[in-house]
Amino acid sequence: MLAHMFKDKDVWGNKQDHRGAFLIDRSPEYFEPILNYLRHGQLIVNDGINLLGVLEEARFFGIDSLIEHLEVAIKNSQPPEDHSPISRKEFVRFLLATPTKSELRCQGLNFSGADLSRLDLRYINFKMANLSRCNLAHANLCFANLERADLSGSVLDCANLQGVKMLCSNAEGASLKQCNFEDPSGLKANLEGANLKGVDMEGSQMTGINLRVATLKNAKLKNCNLRGATLAGTDLENCDLSGCDLQEANLRGSNVKGAIFEEMLTPLHMSQSVR
């Protein structure tokens, strides 16, 4: 760029002062490190000078080798990303500062091990968030988005999960006893493809729930209300379904090897095509 500017001076319209120096309408503060780089090939930036400003000047003048140096320097000057879990106190402060009508997005955030019990978490987007080993007992998660979230080992006992989206989530080993998945308006909770191995969902209300192709191997579903539930293709191997209401449930293609159906409220008919 400098070569073009001085080769075609008339085109660029460069002005000169009374000493014959060319006047270029760029920041002299950001140009100084560039000038020194052109002199000796070393990137030296004094304290207080923003590297981003120098980078923009280097891009303007088309000095590719300096651009690479600056990009590395900027990357090395950034503080390391904080991946530490968000605490209850921090999250409550965040909730209180958010307008009630605003959509709260917590995608991919790390809440691992946090105590979020009894909080109002309705409609919050937790997609792909890390909620492993969290305490979510008695929390209100109505219509929350937990798609692909990690809930492994978490406690959600007595949580309100009406209309929740938990597609392909990982809740292996979690406790969901006495949870309510039933929405009076008819919007069904969706746990399609979820990993629910070894979960304890005893006594939960799950009328119409979608558990299609979910994995419930070794899960405890004792005394659950699964009336009208979609369990097509679901892995129910060694699952305890004793005392469950499975009236009008779709069990087509499900794996019930070793499952316990004793004392069921509704007899399981072979017409439901289980395997």
C-alpha atoms as a PDB file:
ATOM      1  CA  MET A   1       0.000   0.000   0.000  1.00  0.00           C
ATOM      2  CA  LEU A   2       2.812   2.412   0.832  1.00  0.00           C
ATOM      3  CA  ALA A   3       4.473   1.670  -2.483  1.00  0.00           C
ATOM      4  CA  HIS A   4       1.268   2.406  -4.387  1.00  0.00           C
ATOM      5  CA  MET A   5       0.659   5.587  -2.402  1.00  0.00           C
ATOM      6  CA  PHE A   6       4.034   7.044  -3.382  1.00  0.00           C
ATOM      7  CA  LYS A   7       4.153   5.613  -6.861  1.00  0.00           C
ATOM      8  CA  ASP A   8       0.830   7.169  -7.798  1.00  0.00           C
ATOM      9  CA  LYS A   9       1.035  10.306  -5.672  1.00  0.00           C
ATOM     10  CA  ASP A  10      -1.318  12.327  -7.838  1.00  0.00           C
ATOM     11  CA  VAL A  11      -3.986   9.620  -7.689  1.00  0.00           C
ATOM     12  CA  TRP A  12      -3.848   9.415  -3.908  1.00  0.00           C
ATOM     13  CA  GLY A  13      -3.671  13.178  -3.495  1.00  0.00           C
ATOM     14  CA  ASN A  14      -0.973  13.080  -0.806  1.00  0.00           C
ATOM     15  CA  LYS A  15      -0.156  16.489   0.589  1.00  0.00           C
ATOM     16  CA  GLN A  16       3.245  17.713   1.751  1.00  0.00           C
ATOM     17  CA  ASP A  17       4.126  20.115   4.511  1.00  0.00           C
ATOM     18  CA  HIS A  18       6.604  22.984   4.210  1.00  0.00           C
ATOM     19  CA  ARG A  19       9.475  20.550   4.852  1.00  0.00           C
ATOM     20  CA  GLY A  20       8.405  18.200   2.083  1.00  0.00           C
ATOM     21  CA  ALA A  21       7.053  15.486   4.390  1.00  0.00           C
ATOM     22  CA  PHE A  22       4.061  13.589   3.052  1.00  0.00           C
ATOM     23  CA  LEU A  23       0.902  13.762   5.131  1.00  0.00           C
ATOM     24  CA  ILE A  24      -0.974  10.467   5.454  1.00  0.00           C
ATOM     25  CA  ASP A  25      -4.405  10.532   7.130  1.00  0.00           C
ATOM     26  CA  ARG A  26      -3.782   7.622   9.494  1.00  0.00           C
ATOM     27  CA  SER A  27      -3.127   7.368  13.239  1.00  0.00           C
ATOM     28  CA  PRO A  28       0.535   8.148  14.006  1.00  0.00           C
ATOM     29  CA  GLU A  29       0.229   6.241  17.310  1.00  0.00           C
ATOM     30  CA  TYR A  30      -0.653   3.001  15.554  1.00  0.00           C
ATOM     31  CA  PHE A  31       1.718   3.627  12.640  1.00  0.00           C
ATOM     32  CA  GLU A  32       4.845   3.969  14.809  1.00  0.00           C
ATOM     33  CA  PRO A  33       5.123   0.186  15.576  1.00  0.00           C
ATOM     34  CA  ILE A  34       4.620  -0.474  11.857  1.00  0.00           C
ATOM     35  CA  LEU A  35       7.388   1.943  10.886  1.00  0.00           C
ATOM     36  CA  ASN A  36       9.779   0.321  13.356  1.00  0.00           C
ATOM     37  CA  TYR A  37       8.827  -3.128  12.037  1.00  0.00           C
ATOM     38  CA  LEU A  38       9.685  -2.009   8.505  1.00  0.00           C
ATOM     39  CA  ARG A  39      13.037  -0.726   9.788  1.00  0.00           C
ATOM     40  CA  HIS A  40      14.271  -3.773  11.686  1.00  0.00           C
ATOM     41  CA  GLY A  41      11.686  -6.552  11.289  1.00  0.00           C
ATOM     42  CA  GLN A  42      10.793  -6.741  14.981  1.00  0.00           C
ATOM     43  CA  LEU A  43       7.336  -6.102  16.456  1.00  0.00           C
ATOM     44  CA  ILE A  44       7.773  -3.705  19.375  1.00  0.00           C
ATOM     45  CA  VAL A  45       4.666  -2.055  20.830  1.00  0.00           C
ATOM     46  CA  ASN A  46       4.925   0.386  23.742  1.00  0.00           C
ATOM     47  CA  ASP A  47       2.649   0.041  26.765  1.00  0.00           C
ATOM     48  CA  GLY A  48      -0.714   1.694  26.387  1.00  0.00           C
ATOM     49  CA  ILE A  49      -1.006   1.127  22.633  1.00  0.00           C
ATOM     50  CA  ASN A  50      -3.945  -1.044  21.602  1.00  0.00           C
ATOM     51  CA  LEU A  51      -2.751  -3.985  19.537  1.00  0.00           C
ATOM     52  CA  LEU A  52      -6.083  -4.102  17.718  1.00  0.00           C
ATOM     53  CA  GLY A  53      -5.467  -0.589  16.409  1.00  0.00           C
ATOM     54  CA  VAL A  54      -2.006  -1.577  15.159  1.00  0.00           C
ATOM     55  CA  LEU A  55      -3.525  -4.673  13.547  1.00  0.00           C
ATOM     56  CA  GLU A  56      -6.037  -2.588  11.606  1.00  0.00           C
ATOM     57  CA  GLU A  57      -3.239  -0.335  10.374  1.00  0.00           C
ATOM     58  CA  ALA A  58      -1.200  -3.353   9.292  1.00  0.00           C
ATOM     59  CA  ARG A  59      -4.214  -4.632   7.377  1.00  0.00           C
ATOM     60  CA  PHE A  60      -4.722  -1.231   5.743  1.00  0.00           C
ATOM     61  CA  PHE A  61      -1.128  -1.126   4.574  1.00  0.00           C
ATOM     62  CA  GLY A  62      -1.234  -4.767   3.505  1.00  0.00           C
ATOM     63  CA  ILE A  63       1.769  -5.960   5.547  1.00  0.00           C
ATOM     64  CA  ASP A  64       0.898  -9.660   5.755  1.00  0.00           C
ATOM     65  CA  SER A  65       3.919 -10.787   7.781  1.00  0.00           C
ATOM     66  CA  LEU A  66       3.179  -8.183  10.471  1.00  0.00           C
ATOM     67  CA  ILE A  67      -0.495  -9.143  10.522  1.00  0.00           C
ATOM     68  CA  GLU A  68       0.462 -12.696  11.507  1.00  0.00           C
ATOM     69  CA  HIS A  69       2.725 -11.415  14.330  1.00  0.00           C
ATOM     70  CA  LEU A  70      -0.022  -9.152  15.661  1.00  0.00           C
ATOM     71  CA  GLU A  71      -2.713 -11.827  15.581  1.00  0.00           C
ATOM     72  CA  VAL A  72      -0.481 -14.132  17.631  1.00  0.00           C
ATOM     73  CA  ALA A  73       0.368 -11.322  20.066  1.00  0.00           C
ATOM     74  CA  ILE A  74      -3.313 -10.434  20.528  1.00  0.00           C
ATOM     75  CA  LYS A  75      -4.240 -14.073  21.132  1.00  0.00           C
ATOM     76  CA  ASN A  76      -1.468 -14.454  23.723  1.00  0.00           C
ATOM     77  CA  SER A  77      -2.526 -11.261  25.507  1.00  0.00           C
ATOM     78  CA  GLN A  78      -6.109 -12.444  26.073  1.00  0.00           C
ATOM     79  CA  PRO A  79      -6.911 -13.745  29.573  1.00  0.00           C
ATOM     80  CA  PRO A  80      -7.623 -17.487  29.686  1.00  0.00           C
ATOM     81  CA  GLU A  81     -11.275 -18.419  29.331  1.00  0.00           C
ATOM     82  CA  ASP A  82     -13.010 -19.113  32.598  1.00  0.00           C
ATOM     83  CA  HIS A  83     -14.727 -22.505  32.379  1.00  0.00           C
ATOM     84  CA  SER A  84     -15.417 -22.764  36.097  1.00  0.00           C
ATOM     85  CA  PRO A  85     -19.019 -23.678  36.992  1.00  0.00           C
ATOM     86  CA  ILE A  86     -21.578 -20.956  37.626  1.00  0.00           C
ATOM     87  CA  SER A  87     -22.651 -20.807  41.260  1.00  0.00           C
ATOM     88  CA  ARG A  88     -26.213 -20.442  42.564  1.00  0.00           C
ATOM     89  CA  LYS A  89     -25.463 -16.921  43.786  1.00  0.00           C
ATOM     90  CA  GLU A  90     -24.130 -15.838  40.393  1.00  0.00           C
ATOM     91  CA  PHE A  91     -27.070 -17.357  38.553  1.00  0.00           C
ATOM     92  CA  VAL A  92     -29.697 -15.854  40.865  1.00  0.00           C
ATOM     93  CA  ARG A  93     -28.076 -12.446  40.366  1.00  0.00           C
ATOM     94  CA  PHE A  94     -28.245 -13.075  36.613  1.00  0.00           C
ATOM     95  CA  LEU A  95     -31.935 -14.033  36.837  1.00  0.00           C
ATOM     96  CA  LEU A  96     -32.849 -10.946  38.847  1.00  0.00           C
ATOM     97  CA  ALA A  97     -31.076  -8.662  36.378  1.00  0.00           C
ATOM     98  CA  THR A  98     -32.934 -10.111  33.394  1.00  0.00           C
ATOM     99  CA  PRO A  99     -36.297  -8.571  32.408  1.00  0.00           C
ATOM    100  CA  THR A 100     -39.130 -11.044  32.813  1.00  0.00           C
ATOM    101  CA  LYS A 101     -40.135 -10.795  29.140  1.00  0.00           C
ATOM    102  CA  SER A 102     -36.607 -11.368  27.837  1.00  0.00           C
ATOM    103  CA  GLU A 103     -35.548 -14.757  26.527  1.00  0.00           C
ATOM    104  CA  LEU A 104     -32.897 -16.173  28.801  1.00  0.00           C
ATOM    105  CA  ARG A 105     -30.248 -18.119  26.915  1.00  0.00           C
ATOM    106  CA  CYS A 106     -27.836 -20.351  28.801  1.00  0.00           C
ATOM    107  CA  GLN A 107     -26.670 -22.554  25.939  1.00  0.00           C
ATOM    108  CA  GLY A 108     -23.470 -24.400  26.648  1.00  0.00           C
ATOM    109  CA  LEU A 109     -22.921 -22.831  30.080  1.00  0.00           C
ATOM    110  CA  ASN A 110     -21.295 -24.813  32.877  1.00  0.00           C
ATOM    111  CA  PHE A 111     -23.518 -25.291  35.947  1.00  0.00           C
ATOM    112  CA  SER A 112     -21.874 -28.524  37.052  1.00  0.00           C
ATOM    113  CA  GLY A 113     -22.598 -29.295  40.703  1.00  0.00           C
ATOM    114  CA  ALA A 114     -24.615 -26.096  41.263  1.00  0.00           C
ATOM    115  CA  ASP A 115     -27.544 -25.900  43.671  1.00  0.00           C
ATOM    116  CA  LEU A 116     -30.443 -24.680  41.519  1.00  0.00           C
ATOM    117  CA  SER A 117     -33.159 -26.221  43.675  1.00  0.00           C
ATOM    118  CA  ARG A 118     -36.561 -24.506  43.980  1.00  0.00           C
ATOM    119  CA  LEU A 119     -35.669 -21.846  41.382  1.00  0.00           C
ATOM    120  CA  ASP A 120     -38.072 -20.612  38.711  1.00  0.00           C
ATOM    121  CA  LEU A 121     -36.323 -21.698  35.504  1.00  0.00           C
ATOM    122  CA  ARG A 122     -39.311 -21.652  33.167  1.00  0.00           C
ATOM    123  CA  TYR A 123     -38.668 -21.160  29.431  1.00  0.00           C
ATOM    124  CA  ILE A 124     -34.886 -20.898  29.888  1.00  0.00           C
ATOM    125  CA  ASN A 125     -32.754 -22.237  27.050  1.00  0.00           C
ATOM    126  CA  PHE A 126     -30.245 -24.695  28.562  1.00  0.00           C
ATOM    127  CA  LYS A 127     -29.418 -26.350  25.238  1.00  0.00           C
ATOM    128  CA  MET A 128     -26.094 -28.227  25.468  1.00  0.00           C
ATOM    129  CA  ALA A 129     -25.483 -26.844  28.979  1.00  0.00           C
ATOM    130  CA  ASN A 130     -23.522 -28.802  31.580  1.00  0.00           C
ATOM    131  CA  LEU A 131     -25.944 -29.491  34.435  1.00  0.00           C
ATOM    132  CA  SER A 132     -24.266 -32.650  35.657  1.00  0.00           C
ATOM    133  CA  ARG A 133     -24.555 -33.385  39.390  1.00  0.00           C
ATOM    134  CA  CYS A 134     -26.804 -30.328  39.859  1.00  0.00           C
ATOM    135  CA  ASN A 135     -29.467 -30.086  42.519  1.00  0.00           C
ATOM    136  CA  LEU A 136     -32.660 -29.192  40.647  1.00  0.00           C
ATOM    137  CA  ALA A 137     -35.094 -30.625  43.178  1.00  0.00           C
ATOM    138  CA  HIS A 138     -38.455 -28.791  43.224  1.00  0.00           C
ATOM    139  CA  ALA A 139     -37.244 -26.484  40.421  1.00  0.00           C
ATOM    140  CA  ASN A 140     -39.774 -25.142  37.924  1.00  0.00           C
ATOM    141  CA  LEU A 141     -38.474 -26.133  34.483  1.00  0.00           C
ATOM    142  CA  CYS A 142     -41.747 -25.771  32.589  1.00  0.00           C
ATOM    143  CA  PHE A 143     -41.108 -25.454  28.837  1.00  0.00           C
ATOM    144  CA  ALA A 144     -37.353 -25.211  29.401  1.00  0.00           C
ATOM    145  CA  ASN A 145     -35.083 -26.329  26.574  1.00  0.00           C
ATOM    146  CA  LEU A 146     -32.676 -29.018  27.800  1.00  0.00           C
ATOM    147  CA  GLU A 147     -31.877 -30.437  24.385  1.00  0.00           C
ATOM    148  CA  ARG A 148     -28.509 -32.237  24.411  1.00  0.00           C
ATOM    149  CA  ALA A 149     -27.865 -30.962  27.947  1.00  0.00           C
ATOM    150  CA  ASP A 150     -25.795 -33.032  30.385  1.00  0.00           C
ATOM    151  CA  LEU A 151     -27.930 -33.880  33.417  1.00  0.00           C
ATOM    152  CA  SER A 152     -26.015 -36.987  34.441  1.00  0.00           C
ATOM    153  CA  GLY A 153     -26.099 -37.648  38.167  1.00  0.00           C
ATOM    154  CA  SER A 154     -28.383 -34.676  38.830  1.00  0.00           C
ATOM    155  CA  VAL A 155     -31.274 -34.587  41.315  1.00  0.00           C
ATOM    156  CA  LEU A 156     -34.568 -33.358  39.870  1.00  0.00           C
ATOM    157  CA  ASP A 157     -36.927 -34.874  42.429  1.00  0.00           C
ATOM    158  CA  CYS A 158     -40.359 -33.203  42.452  1.00  0.00           C
ATOM    159  CA  ALA A 159     -39.338 -30.850  39.650  1.00  0.00           C
ATOM    160  CA  ASN A 160     -42.000 -29.367  37.383  1.00  0.00           C
ATOM    161  CA  LEU A 161     -41.138 -30.460  33.837  1.00  0.00           C
ATOM    162  CA  GLN A 162     -44.321 -29.651  31.931  1.00  0.00           C
ATOM    163  CA  GLY A 163     -43.643 -29.289  28.203  1.00  0.00           C
ATOM    164  CA  VAL A 164     -39.896 -29.657  28.709  1.00  0.00           C
ATOM    165  CA  LYS A 165     -37.642 -30.379  25.723  1.00  0.00           C
ATOM    166  CA  MET A 166     -34.954 -32.937  26.543  1.00  0.00           C
ATOM    167  CA  LEU A 167     -34.209 -34.375  23.117  1.00  0.00           C
ATOM    168  CA  CYS A 168     -30.945 -36.359  23.085  1.00  0.00           C
ATOM    169  CA  SER A 169     -30.102 -35.152  26.583  1.00  0.00           C
ATOM    170  CA  ASN A 170     -27.874 -37.192  28.882  1.00  0.00           C
ATOM    171  CA  ALA A 171     -29.536 -37.860  32.251  1.00  0.00           C
ATOM    172  CA  GLU A 172     -27.812 -41.135  33.046  1.00  0.00           C
ATOM    173  CA  GLY A 173     -28.023 -41.963  36.743  1.00  0.00           C
ATOM    174  CA  ALA A 174     -30.183 -38.918  37.517  1.00  0.00           C
ATOM    175  CA  SER A 175     -33.010 -38.909  40.065  1.00  0.00           C
ATOM    176  CA  LEU A 176     -36.388 -37.685  38.783  1.00  0.00           C
ATOM    177  CA  LYS A 177     -38.704 -39.077  41.442  1.00  0.00           C
ATOM    178  CA  GLN A 178     -42.204 -37.608  41.716  1.00  0.00           C
ATOM    179  CA  CYS A 179     -41.652 -35.277  38.750  1.00  0.00           C
ATOM    180  CA  ASN A 180     -44.551 -33.775  36.821  1.00  0.00           C
ATOM    181  CA  PHE A 181     -44.289 -33.906  33.024  1.00  0.00           C
ATOM    182  CA  GLU A 182     -48.015 -33.399  32.396  1.00  0.00           C
ATOM    183  CA  ASP A 183     -49.133 -30.132  30.819  1.00  0.00           C
ATOM    184  CA  PRO A 184     -52.858 -29.341  31.225  1.00  0.00           C
ATOM    185  CA  SER A 185     -52.838 -27.522  27.871  1.00  0.00           C
ATOM    186  CA  GLY A 186     -51.793 -30.744  26.130  1.00  0.00           C
ATOM    187  CA  LEU A 187     -48.226 -29.835  25.158  1.00  0.00           C
ATOM    188  CA  LYS A 188     -46.255 -33.037  25.691  1.00  0.00           C
ATOM    189  CA  ALA A 189     -42.786 -33.293  27.207  1.00  0.00           C
ATOM    190  CA  ASN A 190     -40.269 -34.463  24.616  1.00  0.00           C
ATOM    191  CA  LEU A 191     -37.437 -36.778  25.736  1.00  0.00           C
ATOM    192  CA  GLU A 192     -36.910 -38.443  22.376  1.00  0.00           C
ATOM    193  CA  GLY A 193     -33.506 -40.098  22.072  1.00  0.00           C
ATOM    194  CA  ALA A 194     -32.529 -39.197  25.642  1.00  0.00           C
ATOM    195  CA  ASN A 195     -30.021 -41.273  27.608  1.00  0.00           C
ATOM    196  CA  LEU A 196     -31.912 -42.237  30.766  1.00  0.00           C
ATOM    197  CA  LYS A 197     -29.901 -45.271  31.820  1.00  0.00           C
ATOM    198  CA  GLY A 198     -30.340 -46.054  35.486  1.00  0.00           C
ATOM    199  CA  VAL A 199     -32.602 -43.076  36.197  1.00  0.00           C
ATOM    200  CA  ASP A 200     -35.042 -43.200  39.093  1.00  0.00           C
ATOM    201  CA  MET A 201     -38.380 -41.760  37.940  1.00  0.00           C
ATOM    202  CA  GLU A 202     -40.569 -43.527  40.496  1.00  0.00           C
ATOM    203  CA  GLY A 203     -44.005 -41.994  40.919  1.00  0.00           C
ATOM    204  CA  SER A 204     -43.614 -39.423  38.130  1.00  0.00           C
ATOM    205  CA  GLN A 205     -46.588 -38.164  36.132  1.00  0.00           C
ATOM    206  CA  MET A 206     -45.760 -38.686  32.449  1.00  0.00           C
ATOM    207  CA  THR A 207     -49.045 -38.853  30.572  1.00  0.00           C
ATOM    208  CA  GLY A 208     -48.399 -38.526  26.840  1.00  0.00           C
ATOM    209  CA  ILE A 209     -44.639 -38.135  27.259  1.00  0.00           C
ATOM    210  CA  ASN A 210     -42.454 -38.762  24.194  1.00  0.00           C
ATOM    211  CA  LEU A 211     -39.733 -41.293  25.052  1.00  0.00           C
ATOM    212  CA  ARG A 212     -39.296 -42.553  21.508  1.00  0.00           C
ATOM    213  CA  VAL A 213     -35.952 -44.383  20.979  1.00  0.00           C
ATOM    214  CA  ALA A 214     -34.808 -43.243  24.429  1.00  0.00           C
ATOM    215  CA  THR A 215     -32.580 -45.504  26.524  1.00  0.00           C
ATOM    216  CA  LEU A 216     -34.097 -46.493  29.876  1.00  0.00           C
ATOM    217  CA  LYS A 217     -31.999 -49.543  30.584  1.00  0.00           C
ATOM    218  CA  ASN A 218     -32.017 -50.429  34.304  1.00  0.00           C
ATOM    219  CA  ALA A 219     -34.266 -47.453  35.027  1.00  0.00           C
ATOM    220  CA  LYS A 220     -36.813 -47.362  37.847  1.00  0.00           C
ATOM    221  CA  LEU A 221     -40.258 -46.312  36.600  1.00  0.00           C
ATOM    222  CA  LYS A 222     -42.252 -47.872  39.394  1.00  0.00           C
ATOM    223  CA  ASN A 223     -45.790 -46.480  39.841  1.00  0.00           C
ATOM    224  CA  CYS A 224     -45.356 -43.985  36.984  1.00  0.00           C
ATOM    225  CA  ASN A 225     -48.280 -42.683  34.973  1.00  0.00           C
ATOM    226  CA  LEU A 226     -47.314 -43.450  31.360  1.00  0.00           C
ATOM    227  CA  ARG A 227     -50.815 -43.343  29.939  1.00  0.00           C
ATOM    228  CA  GLY A 228     -50.659 -42.536  26.220  1.00  0.00           C
ATOM    229  CA  ALA A 229     -46.857 -42.327  26.312  1.00  0.00           C
ATOM    230  CA  THR A 230     -44.767 -42.873  23.187  1.00  0.00           C
ATOM    231  CA  LEU A 231     -42.275 -45.638  23.928  1.00  0.00           C
ATOM    232  CA  ALA A 232     -41.745 -46.829  20.364  1.00  0.00           C
ATOM    233  CA  GLY A 233     -38.233 -48.177  19.896  1.00  0.00           C
ATOM    234  CA  THR A 234     -37.384 -47.424  23.521  1.00  0.00           C
ATOM    235  CA  ASP A 235     -34.821 -49.566  25.313  1.00  0.00           C
ATOM    236  CA  LEU A 236     -36.580 -50.767  28.492  1.00  0.00           C
ATOM    237  CA  GLU A 237     -34.208 -53.621  29.258  1.00  0.00           C
ATOM    238  CA  ASN A 238     -34.261 -54.531  32.969  1.00  0.00           C
ATOM    239  CA  CYS A 239     -36.519 -51.546  33.599  1.00  0.00           C
ATOM    240  CA  ASP A 240     -38.844 -51.651  36.621  1.00  0.00           C
ATOM    241  CA  LEU A 241     -42.332 -50.790  35.322  1.00  0.00           C
ATOM    242  CA  SER A 242     -44.276 -52.364  38.155  1.00  0.00           C
ATOM    243  CA  GLY A 243     -47.413 -50.464  39.093  1.00  0.00           C
ATOM    244  CA  CYS A 244     -47.262 -48.303  35.941  1.00  0.00           C
ATOM    245  CA  ASP A 245     -50.288 -47.121  34.004  1.00  0.00           C
ATOM    246  CA  LEU A 246     -49.480 -47.945  30.355  1.00  0.00           C
ATOM    247  CA  GLN A 247     -52.970 -47.612  28.956  1.00  0.00           C
ATOM    248  CA  GLU A 248     -52.856 -46.508  25.288  1.00  0.00           C
ATOM    249  CA  ALA A 249     -49.045 -46.343  25.442  1.00  0.00           C
ATOM    250  CA  ASN A 250     -47.171 -47.034  22.204  1.00  0.00           C
ATOM    251  CA  LEU A 251     -44.582 -49.769  22.869  1.00  0.00           C
ATOM    252  CA  ARG A 252     -44.066 -50.771  19.253  1.00  0.00           C
ATOM    253  CA  GLY A 253     -40.547 -52.054  18.684  1.00  0.00           C
ATOM    254  CA  SER A 254     -39.460 -51.423  22.268  1.00  0.00           C
ATOM    255  CA  ASN A 255     -36.979 -53.703  24.016  1.00  0.00           C
ATOM    256  CA  VAL A 256     -38.499 -55.054  27.237  1.00  0.00           C
ATOM    257  CA  LYS A 257     -36.017 -57.860  27.880  1.00  0.00           C
ATOM    258  CA  GLY A 258     -35.839 -58.464  31.624  1.00  0.00           C
ATOM    259  CA  ALA A 259     -38.296 -55.639  32.344  1.00  0.00           C
ATOM    260  CA  ILE A 260     -40.607 -55.959  35.362  1.00  0.00           C
ATOM    261  CA  PHE A 261     -44.324 -55.490  34.678  1.00  0.00           C
ATOM    262  CA  GLU A 262     -45.743 -56.848  37.942  1.00  0.00           C
ATOM    263  CA  GLU A 263     -48.834 -55.201  39.422  1.00  0.00           C
ATOM    264  CA  MET A 264     -49.358 -53.031  36.388  1.00  0.00           C
ATOM    265  CA  LEU A 265     -52.514 -50.924  36.421  1.00  0.00           C
ATOM    266  CA  THR A 266     -53.103 -51.768  32.758  1.00  0.00           C
ATOM    267  CA  PRO A 267     -52.278 -55.200  31.291  1.00  0.00           C
ATOM    268  CA  LEU A 268     -49.660 -55.226  28.561  1.00  0.00           C
ATOM    269  CA  HIS A 269     -51.079 -56.707  25.364  1.00  0.00           C
ATOM    270  CA  MET A 270     -48.940 -58.399  22.713  1.00  0.00           C
ATOM    271  CA  SER A 271     -50.738 -56.259  20.109  1.00  0.00           C
ATOM    272  CA  GLN A 272     -48.503 -53.448  21.268  1.00  0.00           C
ATOM    273  CA  SER A 273     -45.665 -55.195  19.409  1.00  0.00           C
ATOM    274  CA  VAL A 274     -42.968 -55.221  22.017  1.00  0.00           C
ATOM    275  CA  ARG A 275     -39.797 -57.304  21.683  1.00  0.00           C
END
